[in-house]
Structure formats: C-alpha cells, structure tokens
C-alpha cells in the first residue's frame, strides 16, 4: 500500500470495535508483524516505560520492537475500552466480541473488510500485504535492510530482501538524481 492508501485504510475504521481495529491496523502498518504474532500479544508484552513490544515469532523466537507514538496512542485508546467483564483470556491484548483472544480468522476478516471499503479488496490484498507495506515504508524512509530484518524477525537477510523491490520509476528517478547524470562527456 502507498502512504496515502495506508492513511485511507486507517481513516476507514469505524463501528463498535473501532479502537481495537484501528490499533491492530496501526501495529501491522508500523511494526510489520505477522498475523500469528499479533493475535498472540499479551497485555504484559506491551512495556510502556520503554515503549517496546515483546513479540513471539516463528519458532517461538522472541524479539523486541520499539513502538512509535502512533502505536502507543492506539494501544492506549484501545486498552481504555478493552472489555474487562466476561473475558476468558485476561492475558490477551486483543479480545473478540465473544470475550476470547481474537482469532487469526477474525483479524483477516476485519482487515479484508477495511481494504474492501477503500477499494482494495480481492486478490493481492491481505494481512500479509500490511507487513509488506510496513517493511517497504521503513526501507523507503531510509532504514537499512539489516535493521528491517531485525524488526521483521527474519533469520535470513535474503527473506527481507524480498521487501526491497523498488518500482522501476523510482530507480529511474534515483539515477537521474545523481548530479553527474546531466554531464555530457561527449563534448
């Protein structure tokens, strides 16, 4: 997703679960976590005093990601309205309407609902696309690929390099931005 599409997606959030849904989308778009990682977040994984989130990734490997202001604000807004009564898994950060830990299927349906709402539903758009978006935005924002590898929890740098695709137009712009691109050596 482009930056504008990402903003549009966040602005499309509404309904009775808007704080929860907004928080989920914000974490996906800012932290680049996997679906399984998001649904497994516990309340105790959010560490406010140092603005970090403990994520348990593939193979039960733990990593710590730093939460930016948008993530912290969305978590705070959600926790204020997070169900407290009849909650079956009190450790879970994200609670379903049935009082249980939110399921991957529920998150996928929610993400698809909002993607469709902004005209991006269908093939090629998914929860994983939000992970891809986060990685691409970090890279285009100047974060080096090794750091993105750490944020995403990839064992192998080659896996992260999948996210480094850059449109040919951007490559063309980059080559033309070189100050030597306008010199004519034929004279």
N, C-alpha and C. Protein backbone atom coordinates (compact mmCIF):
# COMPACT_ATOMS: atom_id res chain seq x y z
N UNK A 1 0.84 -1.18 0.00
CA UNK A 1 0.00 0.00 0.00
C UNK A 1 0.89 1.24 0.00
N UNK A 2 0.41 2.26 -0.64
CA UNK A 2 1.11 3.53 -0.60
C UNK A 2 0.84 4.20 0.74
N UNK A 3 1.56 5.26 1.02
CA UNK A 3 1.32 6.01 2.24
C UNK A 3 -0.12 6.53 2.27
N UNK A 4 -0.58 7.05 1.14
CA UNK A 4 -1.95 7.57 1.07
C UNK A 4 -2.98 6.46 1.28
N UNK A 5 -2.77 5.29 0.68
CA UNK A 5 -3.68 4.17 0.88
C UNK A 5 -3.67 3.71 2.34
N UNK A 6 -2.51 3.74 2.96
CA UNK A 6 -2.41 3.36 4.36
C UNK A 6 -3.20 4.32 5.24
N UNK A 7 -3.06 5.61 4.97
CA UNK A 7 -3.84 6.61 5.71
C UNK A 7 -5.34 6.40 5.49
N UNK A 8 -5.70 6.14 4.24
CA UNK A 8 -7.11 5.92 3.90
C UNK A 8 -7.65 4.70 4.64
N UNK A 9 -6.84 3.66 4.73
CA UNK A 9 -7.25 2.44 5.44
C UNK A 9 -7.51 2.75 6.91
N UNK A 10 -6.61 3.47 7.55
CA UNK A 10 -6.79 3.82 8.95
C UNK A 10 -8.00 4.73 9.15
N UNK A 11 -8.21 5.65 8.22
CA UNK A 11 -9.36 6.57 8.32
C UNK A 11 -10.69 5.87 8.06
N UNK A 12 -10.66 4.69 7.46
CA UNK A 12 -11.89 3.96 7.16
C UNK A 12 -12.45 3.22 8.38
N UNK A 13 -11.66 3.11 9.43
CA UNK A 13 -12.07 2.34 10.60
C UNK A 13 -13.24 3.01 11.30
N UNK A 14 -14.26 2.20 11.58
CA UNK A 14 -15.44 2.69 12.29
C UNK A 14 -16.12 1.52 13.00
N UNK A 15 -17.23 1.79 13.60
CA UNK A 15 -18.01 0.73 14.23
C UNK A 15 -17.70 0.55 15.71
N UNK A 16 -18.35 -0.44 16.29
CA UNK A 16 -18.26 -0.67 17.74
C UNK A 16 -16.87 -1.12 18.18
N UNK A 17 -16.08 -1.69 17.27
CA UNK A 17 -14.74 -2.16 17.61
C UNK A 17 -13.65 -1.26 17.02
N UNK A 18 -13.98 0.00 16.79
CA UNK A 18 -13.05 0.87 16.06
C UNK A 18 -11.71 1.04 16.75
N UNK A 19 -11.68 1.16 18.08
CA UNK A 19 -10.40 1.32 18.77
C UNK A 19 -9.54 0.07 18.61
N UNK A 20 -10.16 -1.09 18.75
CA UNK A 20 -9.41 -2.34 18.58
C UNK A 20 -8.92 -2.49 17.15
N UNK A 21 -9.80 -2.28 16.19
CA UNK A 21 -9.45 -2.46 14.78
C UNK A 21 -8.37 -1.45 14.36
N UNK A 22 -8.51 -0.21 14.81
CA UNK A 22 -7.52 0.82 14.48
C UNK A 22 -6.16 0.44 15.07
N UNK A 23 -6.15 -0.04 16.28
CA UNK A 23 -4.90 -0.45 16.94
C UNK A 23 -4.25 -1.59 16.17
N UNK A 24 -5.03 -2.58 15.78
CA UNK A 24 -4.50 -3.72 15.03
C UNK A 24 -3.88 -3.24 13.72
N UNK A 25 -4.60 -2.43 12.97
CA UNK A 25 -4.07 -1.93 11.70
C UNK A 25 -2.82 -1.08 11.92
N UNK A 26 -2.82 -0.27 12.95
CA UNK A 26 -1.66 0.57 13.26
C UNK A 26 -0.43 -0.28 13.56
N UNK A 27 -0.62 -1.34 14.35
CA UNK A 27 0.51 -2.21 14.66
C UNK A 27 1.02 -2.93 13.42
N UNK A 28 0.11 -3.43 12.59
CA UNK A 28 0.54 -4.08 11.35
C UNK A 28 1.35 -3.11 10.48
N UNK A 29 0.83 -1.91 10.29
CA UNK A 29 1.45 -0.95 9.37
C UNK A 29 2.73 -0.32 9.91
N UNK A 30 2.90 -0.31 11.22
CA UNK A 30 4.09 0.30 11.82
C UNK A 30 5.15 -0.70 12.26
N UNK A 31 4.73 -1.89 12.65
CA UNK A 31 5.67 -2.86 13.22
C UNK A 31 5.96 -4.03 12.29
N UNK A 32 5.15 -4.21 11.25
CA UNK A 32 5.40 -5.27 10.28
C UNK A 32 5.31 -6.67 10.85
N UNK A 33 4.46 -6.85 11.84
CA UNK A 33 4.37 -8.19 12.44
C UNK A 33 3.50 -9.13 11.62
N UNK A 34 3.70 -10.41 11.87
CA UNK A 34 2.88 -11.45 11.25
C UNK A 34 1.54 -11.54 11.97
N UNK A 35 0.55 -12.10 11.29
CA UNK A 35 -0.77 -12.30 11.87
C UNK A 35 -0.67 -13.12 13.16
N UNK A 36 0.07 -14.22 13.12
CA UNK A 36 0.19 -15.09 14.30
C UNK A 36 0.83 -14.34 15.47
N UNK A 37 1.74 -13.43 15.16
CA UNK A 37 2.39 -12.64 16.20
C UNK A 37 1.41 -11.67 16.84
N UNK A 38 0.59 -11.04 16.02
CA UNK A 38 -0.36 -10.06 16.53
C UNK A 38 -1.38 -10.72 17.45
N UNK A 39 -1.96 -11.83 17.03
CA UNK A 39 -3.01 -12.45 17.86
C UNK A 39 -2.45 -13.05 19.15
N UNK A 40 -1.15 -13.27 19.21
CA UNK A 40 -0.56 -13.85 20.42
C UNK A 40 -0.06 -12.80 21.41
N UNK A 41 -0.23 -11.52 21.11
CA UNK A 41 0.24 -10.46 22.02
C UNK A 41 -0.57 -10.51 23.31
N UNK A 42 0.16 -10.50 24.42
CA UNK A 42 -0.45 -10.43 25.75
C UNK A 42 -0.34 -9.01 26.29
N UNK A 43 -1.18 -8.69 27.25
CA UNK A 43 -1.15 -7.36 27.88
C UNK A 43 0.26 -7.07 28.42
N UNK A 44 0.89 -8.08 28.99
CA UNK A 44 2.21 -7.90 29.61
C UNK A 44 3.33 -7.72 28.58
N UNK A 45 3.04 -7.95 27.30
CA UNK A 45 4.05 -7.78 26.26
C UNK A 45 4.27 -6.32 25.90
N UNK A 46 3.33 -5.47 26.24
CA UNK A 46 3.45 -4.04 25.98
C UNK A 46 4.14 -3.40 27.18
N UNK A 47 5.33 -2.86 26.96
CA UNK A 47 6.11 -2.29 28.04
C UNK A 47 6.18 -0.78 27.81
N UNK A 48 5.33 -0.06 28.53
CA UNK A 48 5.19 1.38 28.31
C UNK A 48 6.40 2.18 28.74
N UNK A 49 7.08 1.77 29.83
CA UNK A 49 8.17 2.61 30.32
C UNK A 49 9.34 2.73 29.35
N UNK A 50 9.46 1.80 28.41
CA UNK A 50 10.50 1.97 27.38
C UNK A 50 9.93 1.86 25.96
N UNK A 51 8.59 1.94 25.85
CA UNK A 51 7.90 1.98 24.55
C UNK A 51 8.27 0.79 23.66
N UNK A 52 8.22 -0.40 24.22
CA UNK A 52 8.54 -1.59 23.45
C UNK A 52 7.41 -2.61 23.50
N UNK A 53 7.50 -3.52 22.57
CA UNK A 53 6.55 -4.62 22.49
C UNK A 53 7.34 -5.90 22.30
N UNK A 54 7.05 -6.88 23.14
CA UNK A 54 7.68 -8.19 23.03
C UNK A 54 6.83 -9.02 22.07
N UNK A 55 7.47 -9.53 21.03
CA UNK A 55 6.77 -10.33 20.02
C UNK A 55 7.36 -11.73 20.02
N UNK A 56 6.48 -12.71 20.00
CA UNK A 56 6.92 -14.10 19.88
C UNK A 56 6.65 -14.51 18.44
N UNK A 57 7.75 -14.74 17.71
CA UNK A 57 7.66 -15.03 16.28
C UNK A 57 7.74 -16.50 15.97
N UNK A 58 8.09 -16.77 14.73
CA UNK A 58 8.23 -18.15 14.26
C UNK A 58 9.23 -18.91 15.12
N UNK A 59 8.92 -20.16 15.39
CA UNK A 59 9.82 -20.98 16.19
C UNK A 59 9.93 -20.50 17.62
N UNK A 60 8.91 -19.79 18.10
CA UNK A 60 8.86 -19.25 19.47
C UNK A 60 10.03 -18.31 19.79
N UNK A 61 10.60 -17.71 18.74
CA UNK A 61 11.70 -16.76 18.95
C UNK A 61 11.12 -15.41 19.34
N UNK A 62 11.70 -14.85 20.39
CA UNK A 62 11.27 -13.55 20.88
C UNK A 62 12.10 -12.44 20.27
N UNK A 63 11.43 -11.32 20.03
CA UNK A 63 12.14 -10.11 19.64
C UNK A 63 11.41 -8.93 20.25
N UNK A 64 12.11 -7.85 20.37
CA UNK A 64 11.54 -6.62 20.92
C UNK A 64 11.49 -5.59 19.80
N UNK A 65 10.32 -4.96 19.63
CA UNK A 65 10.21 -3.86 18.69
C UNK A 65 9.83 -2.60 19.46
N UNK A 66 10.34 -1.49 18.99
CA UNK A 66 10.02 -0.21 19.61
C UNK A 66 8.71 0.30 19.03
N UNK A 67 7.90 0.86 19.90
CA UNK A 67 6.61 1.40 19.50
C UNK A 67 6.71 2.91 19.32
N UNK A 68 6.26 3.37 18.17
CA UNK A 68 6.27 4.82 17.93
C UNK A 68 5.03 5.44 18.60
N UNK A 69 4.91 6.75 18.51
CA UNK A 69 3.80 7.45 19.17
C UNK A 69 2.44 6.98 18.67
N UNK A 70 2.33 6.71 17.37
CA UNK A 70 1.05 6.26 16.81
C UNK A 70 0.64 4.92 17.42
N UNK A 71 1.60 4.01 17.55
CA UNK A 71 1.32 2.70 18.15
C UNK A 71 0.92 2.84 19.61
N UNK A 72 1.68 3.62 20.36
CA UNK A 72 1.38 3.81 21.79
C UNK A 72 0.01 4.44 21.99
N UNK A 73 -0.31 5.45 21.19
CA UNK A 73 -1.61 6.12 21.31
C UNK A 73 -2.75 5.17 20.97
N UNK A 74 -2.58 4.35 19.93
CA UNK A 74 -3.65 3.44 19.56
C UNK A 74 -3.83 2.32 20.59
N UNK A 75 -2.73 1.86 21.18
CA UNK A 75 -2.83 0.86 22.25
C UNK A 75 -3.54 1.46 23.46
N UNK A 76 -3.15 2.67 23.85
CA UNK A 76 -3.80 3.32 24.99
C UNK A 76 -5.29 3.52 24.76
N UNK A 77 -5.65 3.97 23.54
CA UNK A 77 -7.07 4.19 23.23
C UNK A 77 -7.85 2.88 23.28
N UNK A 78 -7.24 1.80 22.79
CA UNK A 78 -7.92 0.50 22.82
C UNK A 78 -8.03 -0.04 24.24
N UNK A 79 -6.96 0.03 25.00
CA UNK A 79 -6.97 -0.53 26.37
C UNK A 79 -8.03 0.17 27.23
N UNK A 80 -8.27 1.46 26.98
CA UNK A 80 -9.31 2.18 27.74
C UNK A 80 -10.70 1.57 27.53
N UNK A 81 -10.95 1.00 26.33
CA UNK A 81 -12.28 0.45 26.04
C UNK A 81 -12.27 -1.08 25.94
N UNK A 82 -11.10 -1.68 26.14
CA UNK A 82 -10.97 -3.14 26.06
C UNK A 82 -11.92 -3.79 27.06
N UNK A 83 -12.64 -4.83 26.61
CA UNK A 83 -13.57 -5.50 27.54
C UNK A 83 -12.85 -5.99 28.79
N UNK A 84 -13.54 -5.87 29.91
CA UNK A 84 -12.98 -6.34 31.18
C UNK A 84 -13.86 -7.44 31.79
N UNK A 85 -15.15 -7.35 31.54
CA UNK A 85 -16.09 -8.34 32.07
C UNK A 85 -16.23 -9.51 31.11
N UNK A 86 -16.39 -10.68 31.66
CA UNK A 86 -16.60 -11.90 30.88
C UNK A 86 -15.49 -12.17 29.86
N UNK A 87 -14.28 -11.76 30.19
CA UNK A 87 -13.14 -12.03 29.33
C UNK A 87 -12.54 -13.37 29.74
N UNK A 88 -12.48 -14.28 28.79
CA UNK A 88 -12.00 -15.64 29.09
C UNK A 88 -10.47 -15.72 29.14
N UNK A 89 -9.79 -14.90 28.34
CA UNK A 89 -8.32 -14.88 28.35
C UNK A 89 -7.88 -13.48 28.75
N UNK A 90 -7.73 -13.28 30.06
CA UNK A 90 -7.41 -11.95 30.59
C UNK A 90 -6.02 -11.48 30.18
N UNK A 91 -5.14 -12.40 29.76
CA UNK A 91 -3.80 -12.03 29.32
C UNK A 91 -3.79 -11.43 27.92
N UNK A 92 -4.72 -11.84 27.08
CA UNK A 92 -4.74 -11.43 25.67
C UNK A 92 -4.93 -9.93 25.54
N UNK A 93 -4.15 -9.30 24.68
CA UNK A 93 -4.36 -7.88 24.41
C UNK A 93 -5.64 -7.69 23.61
N UNK A 94 -5.76 -8.42 22.52
CA UNK A 94 -6.92 -8.23 21.64
C UNK A 94 -7.99 -9.28 21.93
N UNK A 95 -9.17 -8.78 22.26
CA UNK A 95 -10.29 -9.61 22.66
C UNK A 95 -11.38 -9.56 21.59
N UNK A 96 -11.95 -10.74 21.31
CA UNK A 96 -13.04 -10.83 20.34
C UNK A 96 -14.35 -10.41 21.02
N UNK A 97 -15.40 -10.33 20.24
CA UNK A 97 -16.71 -9.99 20.77
C UNK A 97 -17.28 -11.09 21.67
N UNK A 98 -16.68 -12.28 21.61
CA UNK A 98 -17.10 -13.39 22.47
C UNK A 98 -16.30 -13.44 23.77
N UNK A 99 -15.40 -12.49 23.97
CA UNK A 99 -14.61 -12.44 25.19
C UNK A 99 -13.38 -13.33 25.17
N UNK A 100 -13.05 -13.86 24.02
CA UNK A 100 -11.87 -14.72 23.88
C UNK A 100 -10.76 -13.96 23.17
N UNK A 101 -9.58 -14.55 23.18
CA UNK A 101 -8.47 -13.97 22.41
C UNK A 101 -8.92 -13.91 20.95
N UNK A 102 -8.65 -12.81 20.29
CA UNK A 102 -9.06 -12.65 18.90
C UNK A 102 -8.37 -13.71 18.04
N UNK A 103 -9.10 -14.24 17.08
CA UNK A 103 -8.57 -15.31 16.24
C UNK A 103 -7.96 -14.73 14.96
N UNK A 104 -7.05 -15.48 14.35
CA UNK A 104 -6.50 -15.03 13.07
C UNK A 104 -7.59 -14.81 12.03
N UNK A 105 -8.58 -15.67 12.02
CA UNK A 105 -9.67 -15.55 11.04
C UNK A 105 -10.45 -14.24 11.23
N UNK A 106 -10.68 -13.86 12.47
CA UNK A 106 -11.39 -12.60 12.76
C UNK A 106 -10.56 -11.41 12.29
N UNK A 107 -9.25 -11.45 12.55
CA UNK A 107 -8.38 -10.35 12.12
C UNK A 107 -8.34 -10.27 10.60
N UNK A 108 -8.22 -11.42 9.94
CA UNK A 108 -8.21 -11.42 8.47
C UNK A 108 -9.50 -10.82 7.91
N UNK A 109 -10.63 -11.21 8.49
CA UNK A 109 -11.92 -10.69 8.01
C UNK A 109 -12.01 -9.19 8.22
N UNK A 110 -11.53 -8.71 9.37
CA UNK A 110 -11.56 -7.28 9.66
C UNK A 110 -10.68 -6.51 8.68
N UNK A 111 -9.47 -7.00 8.45
CA UNK A 111 -8.56 -6.32 7.51
C UNK A 111 -9.17 -6.31 6.11
N UNK A 112 -9.71 -7.43 5.68
CA UNK A 112 -10.34 -7.50 4.35
C UNK A 112 -11.53 -6.55 4.25
N UNK A 113 -12.29 -6.41 5.33
CA UNK A 113 -13.45 -5.50 5.34
C UNK A 113 -12.99 -4.07 5.05
N UNK A 114 -11.94 -3.63 5.74
CA UNK A 114 -11.49 -2.25 5.55
C UNK A 114 -10.76 -2.06 4.23
N UNK A 115 -10.02 -3.06 3.78
CA UNK A 115 -9.38 -2.96 2.46
C UNK A 115 -10.45 -2.83 1.37
N UNK A 116 -11.50 -3.63 1.49
CA UNK A 116 -12.60 -3.57 0.52
C UNK A 116 -13.29 -2.21 0.58
N UNK A 117 -13.45 -1.71 1.79
CA UNK A 117 -14.12 -0.41 1.99
C UNK A 117 -13.39 0.72 1.25
N UNK A 118 -12.06 0.62 1.14
CA UNK A 118 -11.31 1.68 0.43
C UNK A 118 -10.99 1.27 -1.01
N UNK A 119 -11.63 0.21 -1.48
CA UNK A 119 -11.47 -0.19 -2.88
C UNK A 119 -10.25 -1.06 -3.16
N UNK A 120 -9.69 -1.70 -2.14
CA UNK A 120 -8.50 -2.54 -2.33
C UNK A 120 -8.76 -4.00 -1.96
N UNK A 121 -9.99 -4.40 -1.99
CA UNK A 121 -10.30 -5.79 -1.65
C UNK A 121 -9.92 -6.73 -2.78
N UNK A 122 -9.94 -8.01 -2.48
CA UNK A 122 -9.69 -9.01 -3.52
C UNK A 122 -8.27 -9.53 -3.50
N UNK A 123 -7.97 -10.23 -4.58
CA UNK A 123 -6.66 -10.90 -4.70
C UNK A 123 -5.52 -9.91 -4.58
N UNK A 124 -4.48 -10.33 -3.88
CA UNK A 124 -3.30 -9.49 -3.74
C UNK A 124 -3.31 -8.61 -2.51
N UNK A 125 -4.45 -8.47 -1.86
CA UNK A 125 -4.54 -7.65 -0.66
C UNK A 125 -4.92 -8.54 0.51
N UNK A 126 -4.11 -8.44 1.58
CA UNK A 126 -4.30 -9.33 2.73
C UNK A 126 -3.59 -8.74 3.94
N UNK A 127 -3.68 -9.47 5.03
CA UNK A 127 -2.95 -9.09 6.24
C UNK A 127 -1.45 -9.03 5.92
N UNK A 128 -0.97 -9.98 5.16
CA UNK A 128 0.46 -10.02 4.84
C UNK A 128 0.87 -8.79 4.02
N UNK A 129 -0.03 -8.25 3.24
CA UNK A 129 0.26 -7.04 2.47
C UNK A 129 0.59 -5.87 3.41
N UNK A 130 -0.01 -5.87 4.60
CA UNK A 130 0.28 -4.82 5.57
C UNK A 130 1.69 -4.96 6.13
N UNK A 131 2.14 -6.20 6.31
CA UNK A 131 3.53 -6.46 6.74
C UNK A 131 4.49 -5.97 5.67
N UNK A 132 4.15 -6.29 4.43
CA UNK A 132 4.95 -5.86 3.28
C UNK A 132 4.99 -4.33 3.22
N UNK A 133 3.85 -3.70 3.46
CA UNK A 133 3.77 -2.24 3.45
C UNK A 133 4.67 -1.63 4.51
N UNK A 134 4.63 -2.18 5.72
CA UNK A 134 5.48 -1.66 6.80
C UNK A 134 6.95 -1.76 6.42
N UNK A 135 7.35 -2.91 5.89
CA UNK A 135 8.76 -3.10 5.50
C UNK A 135 9.15 -2.13 4.40
N UNK A 136 8.31 -1.97 3.41
CA UNK A 136 8.59 -1.08 2.29
C UNK A 136 8.69 0.37 2.76
N UNK A 137 7.80 0.77 3.67
CA UNK A 137 7.84 2.15 4.17
C UNK A 137 9.10 2.39 4.99
N UNK A 138 9.51 1.40 5.78
CA UNK A 138 10.75 1.56 6.54
C UNK A 138 11.93 1.74 5.60
N UNK A 139 11.99 0.89 4.58
CA UNK A 139 13.10 0.96 3.62
C UNK A 139 13.08 2.27 2.86
N UNK A 140 11.91 2.70 2.41
CA UNK A 140 11.84 3.96 1.66
C UNK A 140 12.09 5.16 2.57
N UNK A 141 11.93 4.97 3.88
CA UNK A 141 12.21 6.03 4.84
C UNK A 141 13.67 6.10 5.24
N UNK A 142 14.48 5.22 4.64
CA UNK A 142 15.91 5.28 4.88
C UNK A 142 16.45 4.26 5.87
N UNK A 143 15.60 3.37 6.37
CA UNK A 143 16.07 2.34 7.29
C UNK A 143 16.82 1.29 6.48
N UNK A 144 17.98 0.87 6.97
CA UNK A 144 18.76 -0.10 6.21
C UNK A 144 18.13 -1.50 6.31
N UNK A 145 18.40 -2.31 5.32
CA UNK A 145 17.76 -3.62 5.18
C UNK A 145 18.08 -4.53 6.37
N UNK A 146 19.25 -4.39 6.95
CA UNK A 146 19.62 -5.22 8.11
C UNK A 146 18.73 -4.89 9.32
N UNK A 147 18.45 -3.63 9.53
CA UNK A 147 17.57 -3.22 10.63
C UNK A 147 16.15 -3.71 10.37
N UNK A 148 15.68 -3.59 9.13
CA UNK A 148 14.34 -4.09 8.79
C UNK A 148 14.27 -5.60 9.03
N UNK A 149 15.35 -6.30 8.74
CA UNK A 149 15.42 -7.73 9.00
C UNK A 149 15.16 -8.01 10.49
N UNK A 150 15.78 -7.23 11.35
CA UNK A 150 15.59 -7.40 12.80
C UNK A 150 14.16 -7.10 13.20
N UNK A 151 13.60 -6.01 12.69
CA UNK A 151 12.23 -5.63 13.04
C UNK A 151 11.25 -6.72 12.62
N UNK A 152 11.44 -7.27 11.43
CA UNK A 152 10.52 -8.29 10.92
C UNK A 152 10.76 -9.67 11.52
N UNK A 153 11.91 -9.86 12.15
CA UNK A 153 12.20 -11.15 12.75
C UNK A 153 12.62 -12.21 11.76
N UNK A 154 13.27 -11.79 10.68
CA UNK A 154 13.75 -12.74 9.68
C UNK A 154 15.11 -13.30 10.10
N UNK A 155 15.24 -14.61 9.97
CA UNK A 155 16.53 -15.26 10.24
C UNK A 155 17.54 -14.89 9.15
N UNK A 156 17.06 -14.88 7.92
CA UNK A 156 17.92 -14.76 6.75
C UNK A 156 17.69 -13.42 6.07
N UNK A 157 18.75 -12.73 5.74
CA UNK A 157 18.65 -11.45 5.06
C UNK A 157 17.96 -11.58 3.69
N UNK A 158 18.15 -12.72 3.04
CA UNK A 158 17.51 -12.93 1.73
C UNK A 158 15.99 -12.83 1.83
N UNK A 159 15.43 -13.27 2.94
CA UNK A 159 13.98 -13.18 3.13
C UNK A 159 13.55 -11.73 3.17
N UNK A 160 14.32 -10.89 3.85
CA UNK A 160 13.99 -9.47 3.96
C UNK A 160 14.13 -8.78 2.62
N UNK A 161 15.10 -9.21 1.81
CA UNK A 161 15.33 -8.54 0.54
C UNK A 161 14.16 -8.68 -0.43
N UNK A 162 13.26 -9.61 -0.15
CA UNK A 162 12.03 -9.70 -0.95
C UNK A 162 11.26 -8.39 -0.86
N UNK A 163 11.34 -7.73 0.29
CA UNK A 163 10.60 -6.49 0.52
C UNK A 163 11.28 -5.28 -0.08
N UNK A 164 12.46 -5.46 -0.63
CA UNK A 164 13.20 -4.30 -1.14
C UNK A 164 12.89 -4.00 -2.60
N UNK A 165 11.85 -4.62 -3.14
CA UNK A 165 11.51 -4.30 -4.53
C UNK A 165 11.22 -2.81 -4.63
N UNK A 166 11.75 -2.20 -5.62
CA UNK A 166 11.51 -0.78 -5.85
C UNK A 166 11.03 -0.63 -7.28
N UNK A 167 9.99 0.15 -7.42
CA UNK A 167 9.44 0.37 -8.75
C UNK A 167 10.51 0.90 -9.70
N UNK A 168 10.43 0.50 -10.96
CA UNK A 168 11.40 0.97 -11.96
C UNK A 168 11.41 2.49 -12.06
N UNK A 169 10.24 3.10 -11.87
CA UNK A 169 10.20 4.57 -11.95
C UNK A 169 11.03 5.19 -10.84
N UNK A 170 11.02 4.57 -9.65
CA UNK A 170 11.82 5.08 -8.55
C UNK A 170 13.31 4.90 -8.84
N UNK A 171 13.67 3.79 -9.47
CA UNK A 171 15.06 3.57 -9.85
C UNK A 171 15.50 4.60 -10.88
N UNK A 172 14.62 4.92 -11.81
CA UNK A 172 14.93 5.92 -12.84
C UNK A 172 15.12 7.29 -12.19
N UNK A 173 14.25 7.64 -11.28
CA UNK A 173 14.36 8.92 -10.57
C UNK A 173 15.67 8.98 -9.80
N UNK A 174 16.02 7.87 -9.15
CA UNK A 174 17.27 7.81 -8.37
C UNK A 174 18.48 8.02 -9.27
N UNK A 175 18.46 7.40 -10.45
CA UNK A 175 19.61 7.55 -11.34
C UNK A 175 19.71 8.97 -11.88
N UNK A 176 18.57 9.59 -12.11
CA UNK A 176 18.57 10.97 -12.61
C UNK A 176 18.89 11.98 -11.52
N UNK A 177 18.77 11.58 -10.26
CA UNK A 177 19.07 12.48 -9.16
C UNK A 177 20.56 12.64 -8.94
N UNK A 178 21.35 11.75 -9.50
CA UNK A 178 22.80 11.84 -9.38
C UNK A 178 23.26 13.11 -10.10
N UNK A 179 24.04 13.95 -9.42
CA UNK A 179 24.49 15.21 -10.04
C UNK A 179 25.28 14.98 -11.34
N UNK A 180 25.87 13.85 -11.50
CA UNK A 180 26.64 13.57 -12.72
C UNK A 180 25.74 13.15 -13.88
N UNK A 181 24.45 12.94 -13.62
CA UNK A 181 23.56 12.44 -14.67
C UNK A 181 23.37 13.42 -15.81
N UNK A 182 23.62 14.69 -15.60
CA UNK A 182 23.39 15.72 -16.62
C UNK A 182 24.66 16.13 -17.36
N UNK A 183 25.78 15.60 -16.91
CA UNK A 183 27.02 15.98 -17.59
C UNK A 183 27.12 15.29 -18.95
N UNK A 184 27.60 16.03 -19.92
CA UNK A 184 27.77 15.50 -21.27
C UNK A 184 29.26 15.36 -21.53
N UNK A 185 29.75 14.14 -21.49
CA UNK A 185 31.18 13.89 -21.66
C UNK A 185 31.58 13.81 -23.13
N UNK A 186 30.62 13.91 -24.04
CA UNK A 186 30.95 13.81 -25.46
C UNK A 186 31.55 15.10 -26.00
N UNK A 187 31.48 16.17 -25.26
CA UNK A 187 31.98 17.49 -25.75
C UNK A 187 33.42 17.69 -25.39
